[in-house]
N, C-alpha and C. Protein backbone atom coordinates (compact mmCIF):
# COMPACT_ATOMS: atom_id res chain seq x y z
N UNK A 1 119.94 82.04 82.28
CA UNK A 1 120.51 83.01 83.22
C UNK A 1 119.61 84.25 83.27
N UNK A 2 119.36 84.74 84.47
CA UNK A 2 118.49 85.90 84.65
C UNK A 2 119.18 87.17 84.17
N UNK A 3 118.40 88.12 83.65
CA UNK A 3 119.00 89.41 83.28
C UNK A 3 119.52 90.13 84.52
N UNK A 4 120.51 91.05 84.34
CA UNK A 4 121.10 91.73 85.50
C UNK A 4 120.10 92.49 86.36
N UNK A 5 119.07 93.09 85.73
CA UNK A 5 118.12 93.86 86.53
C UNK A 5 117.31 92.96 87.46
N UNK A 6 116.94 91.77 86.98
CA UNK A 6 116.19 90.85 87.83
C UNK A 6 117.09 90.31 88.93
N UNK A 7 118.35 90.01 88.60
CA UNK A 7 119.28 89.56 89.63
C UNK A 7 119.49 90.64 90.68
N UNK A 8 119.50 91.92 90.25
CA UNK A 8 119.73 93.01 91.20
C UNK A 8 118.56 93.16 92.16
N UNK A 9 117.34 93.02 91.64
CA UNK A 9 116.17 93.14 92.50
C UNK A 9 116.10 91.96 93.45
N UNK A 10 116.41 90.79 92.94
CA UNK A 10 116.25 89.58 93.73
C UNK A 10 117.52 89.18 94.44
N UNK A 11 118.50 90.07 94.56
CA UNK A 11 119.75 89.71 95.23
C UNK A 11 119.44 89.19 96.62
N UNK A 12 119.96 88.03 96.87
CA UNK A 12 119.63 87.36 98.11
C UNK A 12 120.90 86.89 98.79
N UNK A 13 120.80 86.75 100.06
CA UNK A 13 121.91 86.21 100.82
C UNK A 13 121.64 84.77 101.18
N UNK A 14 120.85 84.08 100.32
CA UNK A 14 120.47 82.70 100.56
C UNK A 14 121.70 81.80 100.66
N UNK A 15 122.66 81.99 99.77
CA UNK A 15 123.86 81.15 99.79
C UNK A 15 124.63 81.34 101.07
N UNK A 16 124.84 82.61 101.46
CA UNK A 16 125.59 82.89 102.68
C UNK A 16 124.86 82.34 103.91
N UNK A 17 123.55 82.54 103.95
CA UNK A 17 122.78 82.05 105.08
C UNK A 17 122.77 80.52 105.11
N UNK A 18 122.63 79.90 103.95
CA UNK A 18 122.62 78.45 103.88
C UNK A 18 123.95 77.86 104.32
N UNK A 19 125.04 78.45 103.84
CA UNK A 19 126.36 77.93 104.22
C UNK A 19 126.62 78.14 105.70
N UNK A 20 126.24 79.30 106.22
CA UNK A 20 126.42 79.56 107.65
C UNK A 20 125.59 78.59 108.48
N UNK A 21 124.35 78.35 108.04
CA UNK A 21 123.50 77.39 108.75
C UNK A 21 124.06 75.98 108.70
N UNK A 22 124.60 75.59 107.54
CA UNK A 22 125.18 74.25 107.40
C UNK A 22 126.40 74.08 108.29
N UNK A 23 127.30 75.07 108.29
CA UNK A 23 128.49 74.99 109.13
C UNK A 23 128.09 74.98 110.60
N UNK A 24 127.10 75.79 110.96
CA UNK A 24 126.63 75.81 112.35
C UNK A 24 126.01 74.48 112.76
N UNK A 25 125.21 73.89 111.87
CA UNK A 25 124.58 72.59 112.18
C UNK A 25 125.64 71.50 112.33
N UNK A 26 126.64 71.51 111.44
CA UNK A 26 127.72 70.52 111.54
C UNK A 26 128.51 70.70 112.83
N UNK A 27 128.80 71.93 113.20
CA UNK A 27 129.53 72.19 114.44
C UNK A 27 128.70 71.76 115.66
N UNK A 28 127.40 72.01 115.60
CA UNK A 28 126.52 71.59 116.70
C UNK A 28 126.48 70.07 116.82
N UNK A 29 126.35 69.39 115.67
CA UNK A 29 126.34 67.92 115.70
C UNK A 29 127.66 67.35 116.20
N UNK A 30 128.77 67.94 115.76
CA UNK A 30 130.08 67.47 116.21
C UNK A 30 130.24 67.67 117.71
N UNK A 31 129.83 68.82 118.20
CA UNK A 31 129.93 69.09 119.63
C UNK A 31 129.02 68.18 120.45
N UNK A 32 127.79 67.97 119.96
CA UNK A 32 126.86 67.10 120.69
C UNK A 32 127.36 65.66 120.71
N UNK A 33 127.89 65.20 119.56
CA UNK A 33 128.40 63.82 119.54
C UNK A 33 129.63 63.67 120.44
N UNK A 34 130.49 64.68 120.50
CA UNK A 34 131.65 64.63 121.40
C UNK A 34 131.20 64.58 122.85
N UNK A 35 130.15 65.34 123.18
CA UNK A 35 129.63 65.30 124.56
C UNK A 35 129.04 63.95 124.88
N UNK A 36 128.30 63.35 123.93
CA UNK A 36 127.67 62.06 124.18
C UNK A 36 128.73 60.98 124.36
N UNK A 37 129.74 60.98 123.48
CA UNK A 37 130.79 59.97 123.58
C UNK A 37 131.65 60.21 124.82
N UNK A 38 132.01 61.45 125.08
CA UNK A 38 132.85 61.77 126.23
C UNK A 38 132.18 61.48 127.56
N UNK A 39 130.86 61.62 127.63
CA UNK A 39 130.14 61.35 128.87
C UNK A 39 129.97 59.85 129.10
N UNK A 40 130.32 59.05 128.09
CA UNK A 40 130.23 57.60 128.26
C UNK A 40 128.86 57.04 127.98
N UNK A 41 127.98 57.80 127.34
CA UNK A 41 126.64 57.31 127.05
C UNK A 41 126.65 56.20 126.00
N UNK A 42 127.70 56.09 125.22
CA UNK A 42 127.83 55.01 124.24
C UNK A 42 128.75 53.90 124.74
N UNK A 43 129.04 53.93 125.99
CA UNK A 43 129.90 52.91 126.59
C UNK A 43 131.21 53.52 127.06
N UNK A 44 131.73 52.99 128.17
CA UNK A 44 132.96 53.53 128.73
C UNK A 44 134.16 53.22 127.85
N UNK A 45 134.14 52.08 127.16
CA UNK A 45 135.26 51.74 126.29
C UNK A 45 135.41 52.74 125.15
N UNK A 46 134.31 53.17 124.56
CA UNK A 46 134.37 54.14 123.45
C UNK A 46 134.84 55.50 123.95
N UNK A 47 134.48 55.84 125.16
CA UNK A 47 134.88 57.13 125.71
C UNK A 47 136.39 57.19 125.94
N UNK A 48 137.03 56.03 126.19
CA UNK A 48 138.47 56.02 126.45
C UNK A 48 139.30 55.87 125.17
N UNK A 49 138.66 55.49 124.07
CA UNK A 49 139.39 55.29 122.82
C UNK A 49 139.78 56.62 122.20
N UNK A 50 140.83 56.64 121.37
CA UNK A 50 141.22 57.88 120.70
C UNK A 50 140.15 58.32 119.71
N UNK A 51 140.16 59.60 119.39
CA UNK A 51 139.17 60.16 118.46
C UNK A 51 139.34 59.55 117.07
N UNK A 52 140.56 59.46 116.60
CA UNK A 52 140.83 58.89 115.28
C UNK A 52 141.00 57.39 115.42
N UNK A 53 140.23 56.64 114.66
CA UNK A 53 140.24 55.18 114.73
C UNK A 53 141.63 54.63 114.41
N UNK A 54 142.08 53.58 115.09
CA UNK A 54 143.41 53.01 114.84
C UNK A 54 143.61 52.54 113.40
N UNK A 55 142.55 52.08 112.75
CA UNK A 55 142.65 51.66 111.35
C UNK A 55 142.98 52.87 110.47
N UNK A 56 142.33 53.99 110.75
CA UNK A 56 142.61 55.21 109.98
C UNK A 56 144.02 55.70 110.24
N UNK A 57 144.49 55.57 111.48
CA UNK A 57 145.87 55.96 111.80
C UNK A 57 146.86 55.08 111.04
N UNK A 58 146.58 53.78 110.94
CA UNK A 58 147.46 52.86 110.20
C UNK A 58 147.51 53.22 108.72
N UNK A 59 146.37 53.57 108.14
CA UNK A 59 146.34 53.96 106.72
C UNK A 59 147.13 55.24 106.50
N UNK A 60 146.97 56.20 107.39
CA UNK A 60 147.69 57.48 107.24
C UNK A 60 149.19 57.28 107.39
N UNK A 61 149.61 56.45 108.35
CA UNK A 61 151.05 56.24 108.54
C UNK A 61 151.65 55.38 107.43
N UNK A 62 150.85 54.49 106.80
CA UNK A 62 151.40 53.68 105.71
C UNK A 62 151.49 54.45 104.39
N UNK A 63 150.70 55.50 104.23
CA UNK A 63 150.72 56.35 103.03
C UNK A 63 150.95 57.81 103.43
N UNK A 64 152.10 58.17 103.98
CA UNK A 64 152.27 59.52 104.51
C UNK A 64 152.24 60.61 103.43
N UNK A 65 152.87 60.38 102.29
CA UNK A 65 152.90 61.42 101.24
C UNK A 65 151.51 61.64 100.67
N UNK A 66 150.81 60.55 100.37
CA UNK A 66 149.45 60.67 99.83
C UNK A 66 148.53 61.34 100.84
N UNK A 67 148.65 60.96 102.10
CA UNK A 67 147.80 61.57 103.13
C UNK A 67 148.04 63.06 103.25
N UNK A 68 149.29 63.47 103.19
CA UNK A 68 149.61 64.91 103.25
C UNK A 68 149.07 65.64 102.03
N UNK A 69 149.23 65.06 100.84
CA UNK A 69 148.73 65.70 99.62
C UNK A 69 147.21 65.84 99.64
N UNK A 70 146.53 64.81 100.11
CA UNK A 70 145.07 64.89 100.21
C UNK A 70 144.66 65.97 101.22
N UNK A 71 145.34 66.02 102.36
CA UNK A 71 145.03 67.04 103.38
C UNK A 71 145.29 68.44 102.85
N UNK A 72 146.39 68.62 102.12
CA UNK A 72 146.70 69.94 101.55
C UNK A 72 145.67 70.30 100.49
N UNK A 73 145.29 69.34 99.64
CA UNK A 73 144.29 69.60 98.60
C UNK A 73 142.94 69.99 99.18
N UNK A 74 142.50 69.25 100.21
CA UNK A 74 141.22 69.57 100.85
C UNK A 74 141.28 70.94 101.52
N UNK A 75 142.41 71.23 102.16
CA UNK A 75 142.58 72.54 102.79
C UNK A 75 142.54 73.67 101.77
N UNK A 76 143.20 73.47 100.61
CA UNK A 76 143.17 74.50 99.56
C UNK A 76 141.76 74.68 98.99
N UNK A 77 141.02 73.59 98.81
CA UNK A 77 139.63 73.70 98.34
C UNK A 77 138.78 74.51 99.32
N UNK A 78 138.94 74.22 100.61
CA UNK A 78 138.19 74.98 101.61
C UNK A 78 138.60 76.45 101.60
N UNK A 79 139.89 76.72 101.44
CA UNK A 79 140.38 78.10 101.39
C UNK A 79 139.80 78.83 100.18
N UNK A 80 139.84 78.21 99.01
CA UNK A 80 139.30 78.84 97.80
C UNK A 80 137.80 79.07 97.91
N UNK A 81 137.08 78.09 98.45
CA UNK A 81 135.64 78.26 98.61
C UNK A 81 135.33 79.39 99.59
N UNK A 82 136.09 79.47 100.67
CA UNK A 82 135.88 80.55 101.64
C UNK A 82 136.18 81.92 101.08
N UNK A 83 137.27 82.04 100.33
CA UNK A 83 137.62 83.33 99.72
C UNK A 83 136.57 83.73 98.69
N UNK A 84 136.11 82.76 97.90
CA UNK A 84 135.09 83.06 96.88
C UNK A 84 133.80 83.54 97.53
N UNK A 85 133.35 82.84 98.58
CA UNK A 85 132.12 83.26 99.25
C UNK A 85 132.29 84.60 99.95
N UNK A 86 133.46 84.85 100.53
CA UNK A 86 133.70 86.15 101.18
C UNK A 86 133.69 87.28 100.15
N UNK A 87 134.32 87.06 98.99
CA UNK A 87 134.31 88.10 97.96
C UNK A 87 132.90 88.33 97.42
N UNK A 88 132.12 87.27 97.29
CA UNK A 88 130.74 87.41 96.81
C UNK A 88 129.89 88.18 97.82
N UNK A 89 130.09 87.89 99.11
CA UNK A 89 129.31 88.57 100.14
C UNK A 89 129.71 90.04 100.28
N UNK A 90 130.98 90.35 100.01
CA UNK A 90 131.46 91.72 100.17
C UNK A 90 131.35 92.55 98.90
N UNK A 91 130.89 91.93 97.81
CA UNK A 91 130.79 92.64 96.54
C UNK A 91 129.82 93.82 96.68
N UNK A 92 130.27 95.00 96.30
CA UNK A 92 129.37 96.15 96.43
C UNK A 92 128.25 96.09 95.40
N UNK A 93 127.13 96.61 95.81
CA UNK A 93 125.97 96.63 94.93
C UNK A 93 126.01 97.89 94.07
N UNK A 94 125.66 97.74 92.81
CA UNK A 94 125.70 98.89 91.90
C UNK A 94 124.42 99.71 92.02
N UNK A 95 124.60 101.02 92.07
CA UNK A 95 123.48 101.97 92.10
C UNK A 95 123.68 102.92 90.93
N UNK A 96 122.96 102.69 89.82
CA UNK A 96 123.23 103.48 88.61
C UNK A 96 122.71 104.91 88.70
N UNK A 97 123.49 105.82 88.13
CA UNK A 97 123.08 107.21 88.00
C UNK A 97 122.42 107.40 86.65
N UNK A 98 121.64 108.47 86.52
CA UNK A 98 120.94 108.78 85.28
C UNK A 98 121.67 109.93 84.59
N UNK A 99 122.23 109.67 83.41
CA UNK A 99 122.92 110.71 82.64
C UNK A 99 121.91 111.40 81.74
N UNK A 100 121.55 112.65 82.08
CA UNK A 100 120.61 113.41 81.26
C UNK A 100 121.31 113.99 80.04
N UNK A 101 122.45 114.61 80.26
CA UNK A 101 123.30 115.12 79.17
C UNK A 101 124.73 114.77 79.53
N UNK A 102 125.67 115.22 78.70
CA UNK A 102 127.07 114.95 79.00
C UNK A 102 127.52 115.62 80.29
N UNK A 103 126.93 116.76 80.60
CA UNK A 103 127.33 117.52 81.78
C UNK A 103 126.42 117.33 82.98
N UNK A 104 125.24 116.76 82.76
CA UNK A 104 124.25 116.68 83.84
C UNK A 104 123.94 115.21 84.18
N UNK A 105 124.21 114.85 85.43
CA UNK A 105 123.96 113.50 85.92
C UNK A 105 123.13 113.58 87.19
N UNK A 106 122.09 112.76 87.24
CA UNK A 106 121.27 112.66 88.45
C UNK A 106 121.69 111.40 89.17
N UNK A 107 122.04 111.52 90.44
CA UNK A 107 122.54 110.37 91.20
C UNK A 107 121.41 109.40 91.51
N UNK A 108 121.78 108.17 91.80
CA UNK A 108 120.78 107.16 92.14
C UNK A 108 120.07 107.52 93.45
N UNK A 109 120.78 108.18 94.36
CA UNK A 109 120.16 108.62 95.61
C UNK A 109 119.07 109.64 95.39
N UNK A 110 119.33 110.59 94.48
CA UNK A 110 118.31 111.60 94.16
C UNK A 110 117.11 110.95 93.47
N UNK A 111 117.39 110.01 92.57
CA UNK A 111 116.29 109.28 91.92
C UNK A 111 115.45 108.53 92.95
N UNK A 112 116.13 107.86 93.87
CA UNK A 112 115.43 107.08 94.89
C UNK A 112 114.58 107.98 95.77
N UNK A 113 115.11 109.14 96.15
CA UNK A 113 114.34 110.07 96.98
C UNK A 113 113.13 110.61 96.23
N UNK A 114 113.28 110.88 94.93
CA UNK A 114 112.16 111.39 94.15
C UNK A 114 111.06 110.34 94.01
N UNK A 115 111.45 109.10 93.75
CA UNK A 115 110.45 108.04 93.62
C UNK A 115 109.78 107.77 94.96
N UNK A 116 110.56 107.81 96.05
CA UNK A 116 109.99 107.61 97.39
C UNK A 116 109.01 108.73 97.74
N UNK A 117 109.36 109.96 97.42
CA UNK A 117 108.45 111.08 97.68
C UNK A 117 107.17 110.94 96.87
N UNK A 118 107.31 110.46 95.63
CA UNK A 118 106.13 110.24 94.80
C UNK A 118 105.26 109.12 95.38
N UNK A 119 105.88 108.06 95.89
CA UNK A 119 105.13 106.95 96.48
C UNK A 119 104.45 107.37 97.78
N UNK A 120 105.06 108.26 98.54
CA UNK A 120 104.47 108.70 99.80
C UNK A 120 103.22 109.55 99.59
N UNK A 121 103.02 110.06 98.39
CA UNK A 121 101.81 110.85 98.09
C UNK A 121 100.59 109.95 97.88
N UNK A 122 100.80 108.66 97.70
CA UNK A 122 99.69 107.73 97.49
C UNK A 122 98.91 107.59 98.79
N UNK A 123 97.58 107.63 98.69
CA UNK A 123 96.73 107.49 99.88
C UNK A 123 96.94 106.11 100.51
N UNK A 124 97.21 106.10 101.80
CA UNK A 124 97.42 104.86 102.52
C UNK A 124 98.89 104.55 102.79
N UNK A 125 99.80 105.25 102.11
CA UNK A 125 101.22 105.02 102.33
C UNK A 125 101.72 106.01 103.37
N UNK A 126 102.26 105.48 104.45
CA UNK A 126 102.78 106.32 105.52
C UNK A 126 104.22 106.74 105.22
N UNK A 127 105.01 105.77 104.73
CA UNK A 127 106.42 106.04 104.47
C UNK A 127 106.88 105.12 103.35
N UNK A 128 107.87 105.57 102.58
CA UNK A 128 108.41 104.76 101.49
C UNK A 128 109.92 104.92 101.45
N UNK A 129 110.59 103.82 101.09
CA UNK A 129 112.03 103.85 100.91
C UNK A 129 112.33 103.14 99.60
N UNK A 130 113.15 103.76 98.76
CA UNK A 130 113.46 103.21 97.44
C UNK A 130 114.96 103.11 97.29
N UNK A 131 115.41 102.03 96.65
CA UNK A 131 116.80 101.86 96.28
C UNK A 131 116.85 101.53 94.80
N UNK A 132 117.65 102.28 94.05
CA UNK A 132 117.83 102.01 92.63
C UNK A 132 119.07 101.12 92.50
N UNK A 133 118.91 99.96 91.86
CA UNK A 133 120.00 99.01 91.71
C UNK A 133 120.09 98.56 90.26
N UNK A 134 121.15 97.82 89.94
CA UNK A 134 121.30 97.27 88.59
C UNK A 134 122.28 98.05 87.75
N UNK A 135 122.02 98.09 86.45
CA UNK A 135 122.88 98.79 85.49
C UNK A 135 122.18 100.05 85.00
N UNK A 136 122.94 100.89 84.28
CA UNK A 136 122.33 102.07 83.67
C UNK A 136 121.34 101.67 82.59
N UNK A 137 121.67 100.60 81.86
CA UNK A 137 120.79 100.16 80.78
C UNK A 137 119.58 99.40 81.29
N UNK A 138 119.74 98.67 82.39
CA UNK A 138 118.66 97.87 82.95
C UNK A 138 118.54 98.13 84.45
N UNK A 139 118.03 99.30 84.85
CA UNK A 139 117.88 99.57 86.28
C UNK A 139 116.72 98.78 86.88
N UNK A 140 116.74 98.67 88.19
CA UNK A 140 115.66 98.01 88.92
C UNK A 140 115.46 98.75 90.23
N UNK A 141 114.33 98.50 90.87
CA UNK A 141 114.00 99.19 92.12
C UNK A 141 113.73 98.19 93.23
N UNK A 142 114.10 98.57 94.43
CA UNK A 142 113.64 97.91 95.65
C UNK A 142 112.80 98.95 96.37
N UNK A 143 111.54 98.63 96.57
CA UNK A 143 110.60 99.58 97.14
C UNK A 143 110.03 99.01 98.43
N UNK A 144 110.27 99.71 99.53
CA UNK A 144 109.70 99.31 100.82
C UNK A 144 108.62 100.31 101.19
N UNK A 145 107.43 99.79 101.47
CA UNK A 145 106.29 100.65 101.81
C UNK A 145 105.80 100.34 103.21
N UNK A 146 105.56 101.36 103.98
CA UNK A 146 104.93 101.23 105.28
C UNK A 146 103.53 101.82 105.13
N UNK A 147 102.52 100.97 105.23
CA UNK A 147 101.14 101.39 104.98
C UNK A 147 100.43 101.72 106.28
N UNK A 148 99.46 102.63 106.17
CA UNK A 148 98.63 103.02 107.31
C UNK A 148 97.70 101.86 107.62
N UNK A 149 97.47 101.63 108.90
CA UNK A 149 96.61 100.53 109.33
C UNK A 149 95.20 100.72 108.77
N UNK A 150 94.65 99.67 108.16
CA UNK A 150 93.29 99.71 107.65
C UNK A 150 93.16 100.25 106.24
N UNK A 151 94.24 100.51 105.55
CA UNK A 151 94.14 101.04 104.19
C UNK A 151 93.80 99.91 103.21
N UNK A 152 93.31 100.29 102.04
CA UNK A 152 92.98 99.34 100.98
C UNK A 152 94.24 99.05 100.17
N UNK A 153 94.77 97.86 100.36
CA UNK A 153 96.05 97.51 99.74
C UNK A 153 95.92 97.47 98.21
N UNK A 154 94.79 96.97 97.71
CA UNK A 154 94.60 96.92 96.24
C UNK A 154 94.59 98.31 95.65
N UNK A 155 93.94 99.24 96.32
CA UNK A 155 93.90 100.62 95.82
C UNK A 155 95.29 101.25 95.85
N UNK A 156 96.03 100.97 96.91
CA UNK A 156 97.41 101.47 97.00
C UNK A 156 98.23 100.91 95.87
N UNK A 157 98.10 99.61 95.61
CA UNK A 157 98.88 98.98 94.55
C UNK A 157 98.53 99.55 93.18
N UNK A 158 97.22 99.73 92.90
CA UNK A 158 96.81 100.31 91.61
C UNK A 158 97.39 101.70 91.42
N UNK A 159 97.28 102.51 92.47
CA UNK A 159 97.78 103.87 92.39
C UNK A 159 99.31 103.91 92.31
N UNK A 160 99.96 102.98 92.96
CA UNK A 160 101.42 102.90 92.92
C UNK A 160 101.90 102.42 91.55
N UNK A 161 101.20 101.44 90.99
CA UNK A 161 101.63 100.85 89.72
C UNK A 161 101.49 101.83 88.57
N UNK A 162 100.34 102.49 88.48
CA UNK A 162 100.13 103.34 87.30
C UNK A 162 100.89 104.66 87.37
N UNK A 163 100.57 105.59 88.27
CA UNK A 163 101.28 106.85 88.17
C UNK A 163 102.73 106.80 88.67
N UNK A 164 102.98 106.17 89.81
CA UNK A 164 104.31 106.26 90.43
C UNK A 164 105.35 105.50 89.61
N UNK A 165 105.11 104.22 89.38
CA UNK A 165 106.09 103.42 88.66
C UNK A 165 106.17 103.78 87.17
N UNK A 166 105.06 104.23 86.59
CA UNK A 166 105.13 104.65 85.18
C UNK A 166 105.97 105.92 85.05
N UNK A 167 105.85 106.85 86.00
CA UNK A 167 106.71 108.04 85.98
C UNK A 167 108.17 107.67 86.18
N UNK A 168 108.42 106.69 87.05
CA UNK A 168 109.79 106.23 87.27
C UNK A 168 110.36 105.63 85.99
N UNK A 169 109.56 104.83 85.27
CA UNK A 169 110.02 104.26 84.00
C UNK A 169 110.32 105.35 82.99
N UNK A 170 109.44 106.34 82.91
CA UNK A 170 109.66 107.44 81.96
C UNK A 170 110.93 108.22 82.30
N UNK A 171 111.12 108.53 83.58
CA UNK A 171 112.29 109.33 83.95
C UNK A 171 113.59 108.54 83.78
N UNK A 172 113.54 107.22 83.96
CA UNK A 172 114.73 106.41 83.74
C UNK A 172 114.93 106.07 82.26
N UNK A 173 113.90 106.28 81.45
CA UNK A 173 114.00 106.03 80.02
C UNK A 173 114.04 104.55 79.67
N UNK A 174 113.28 103.74 80.42
CA UNK A 174 113.23 102.30 80.15
C UNK A 174 111.79 101.86 79.94
N UNK A 175 111.63 100.78 79.17
CA UNK A 175 110.29 100.26 78.91
C UNK A 175 109.77 99.43 80.08
N UNK A 176 110.67 98.71 80.72
CA UNK A 176 110.25 97.91 81.88
C UNK A 176 111.20 98.20 83.04
N UNK A 177 110.64 98.17 84.22
CA UNK A 177 111.40 98.47 85.43
C UNK A 177 111.09 97.41 86.48
N UNK A 178 111.92 96.35 86.57
CA UNK A 178 111.67 95.32 87.59
C UNK A 178 111.69 95.95 88.98
N UNK A 179 110.69 95.62 89.77
CA UNK A 179 110.56 96.23 91.10
C UNK A 179 110.22 95.16 92.13
N UNK A 180 110.99 95.12 93.19
CA UNK A 180 110.68 94.26 94.34
C UNK A 180 110.01 95.14 95.38
N UNK A 181 108.81 94.77 95.78
CA UNK A 181 108.04 95.59 96.71
C UNK A 181 107.92 94.84 98.04
N UNK A 182 108.28 95.52 99.11
CA UNK A 182 108.13 95.00 100.47
C UNK A 182 107.11 95.88 101.18
N UNK A 183 106.07 95.25 101.70
CA UNK A 183 104.97 95.99 102.32
C UNK A 183 104.90 95.64 103.80
N UNK A 184 104.75 96.67 104.62
CA UNK A 184 104.56 96.46 106.06
C UNK A 184 103.27 97.17 106.44
N UNK A 185 102.37 96.44 107.05
CA UNK A 185 101.06 96.99 107.41
C UNK A 185 101.08 97.57 108.82
N UNK A 186 100.18 98.50 109.05
CA UNK A 186 99.99 99.06 110.39
C UNK A 186 101.19 99.83 110.89
N UNK A 187 101.78 100.60 110.02
CA UNK A 187 102.97 101.36 110.40
C UNK A 187 102.54 102.66 111.06
N UNK A 188 102.24 102.59 112.32
CA UNK A 188 101.84 103.79 113.05
C UNK A 188 103.04 104.66 113.33
N UNK A 189 102.81 105.93 113.49
CA UNK A 189 103.90 106.86 113.82
C UNK A 189 104.47 106.49 115.19
N UNK A 190 105.77 106.47 115.26
CA UNK A 190 106.41 106.14 116.53
C UNK A 190 106.38 107.35 117.45
N UNK A 191 106.07 107.09 118.70
CA UNK A 191 106.09 108.17 119.67
C UNK A 191 107.24 107.93 120.62
N UNK A 192 107.94 108.96 120.92
CA UNK A 192 109.09 108.84 121.80
C UNK A 192 108.65 108.94 123.26
N UNK A 193 109.12 108.00 124.05
CA UNK A 193 108.78 107.98 125.47
C UNK A 193 109.78 108.87 126.20
N UNK A 194 109.26 109.73 127.06
CA UNK A 194 110.14 110.62 127.81
C UNK A 194 110.07 110.31 129.28
């Protein structure tokens, strides 16, 4: 199992996206097959037949209690899975504050702004956005950098790794600080059209 700080940096919506994609693909296939059968492309006899096969109807009518229990069980499983995924997707992300003394606390927003301001001083960085996530004991960073077009990415990374992230580790009081870095190149200043 991954430590909380690594999970916080790498938090992904892969499960939600995968499940949404799967449900969408199944709905698309069901709709396409209904159109193909309904249009009579598989034969006019199949288009006139009921959706549920007569053999399946006979089994359901011969075992009514079992069929109802199975349907209720499957419905409850779908309900529990849906509630679990909804709660997981809606779970708030933790942003730890830094307790300097009993009376003095620095918020995660202030920490993020300080680290972002420090990163923006690096040559080649046009803009930076930082989010502090994880626990107080094991914080992590999400760092988004918008670089100036034509800058030396290796030089930016060296300068970012040594002074900026080492100062962040010192101020957070941790030996290691997992950081997810997102880089966007050619971030020119936006001009407003009038």
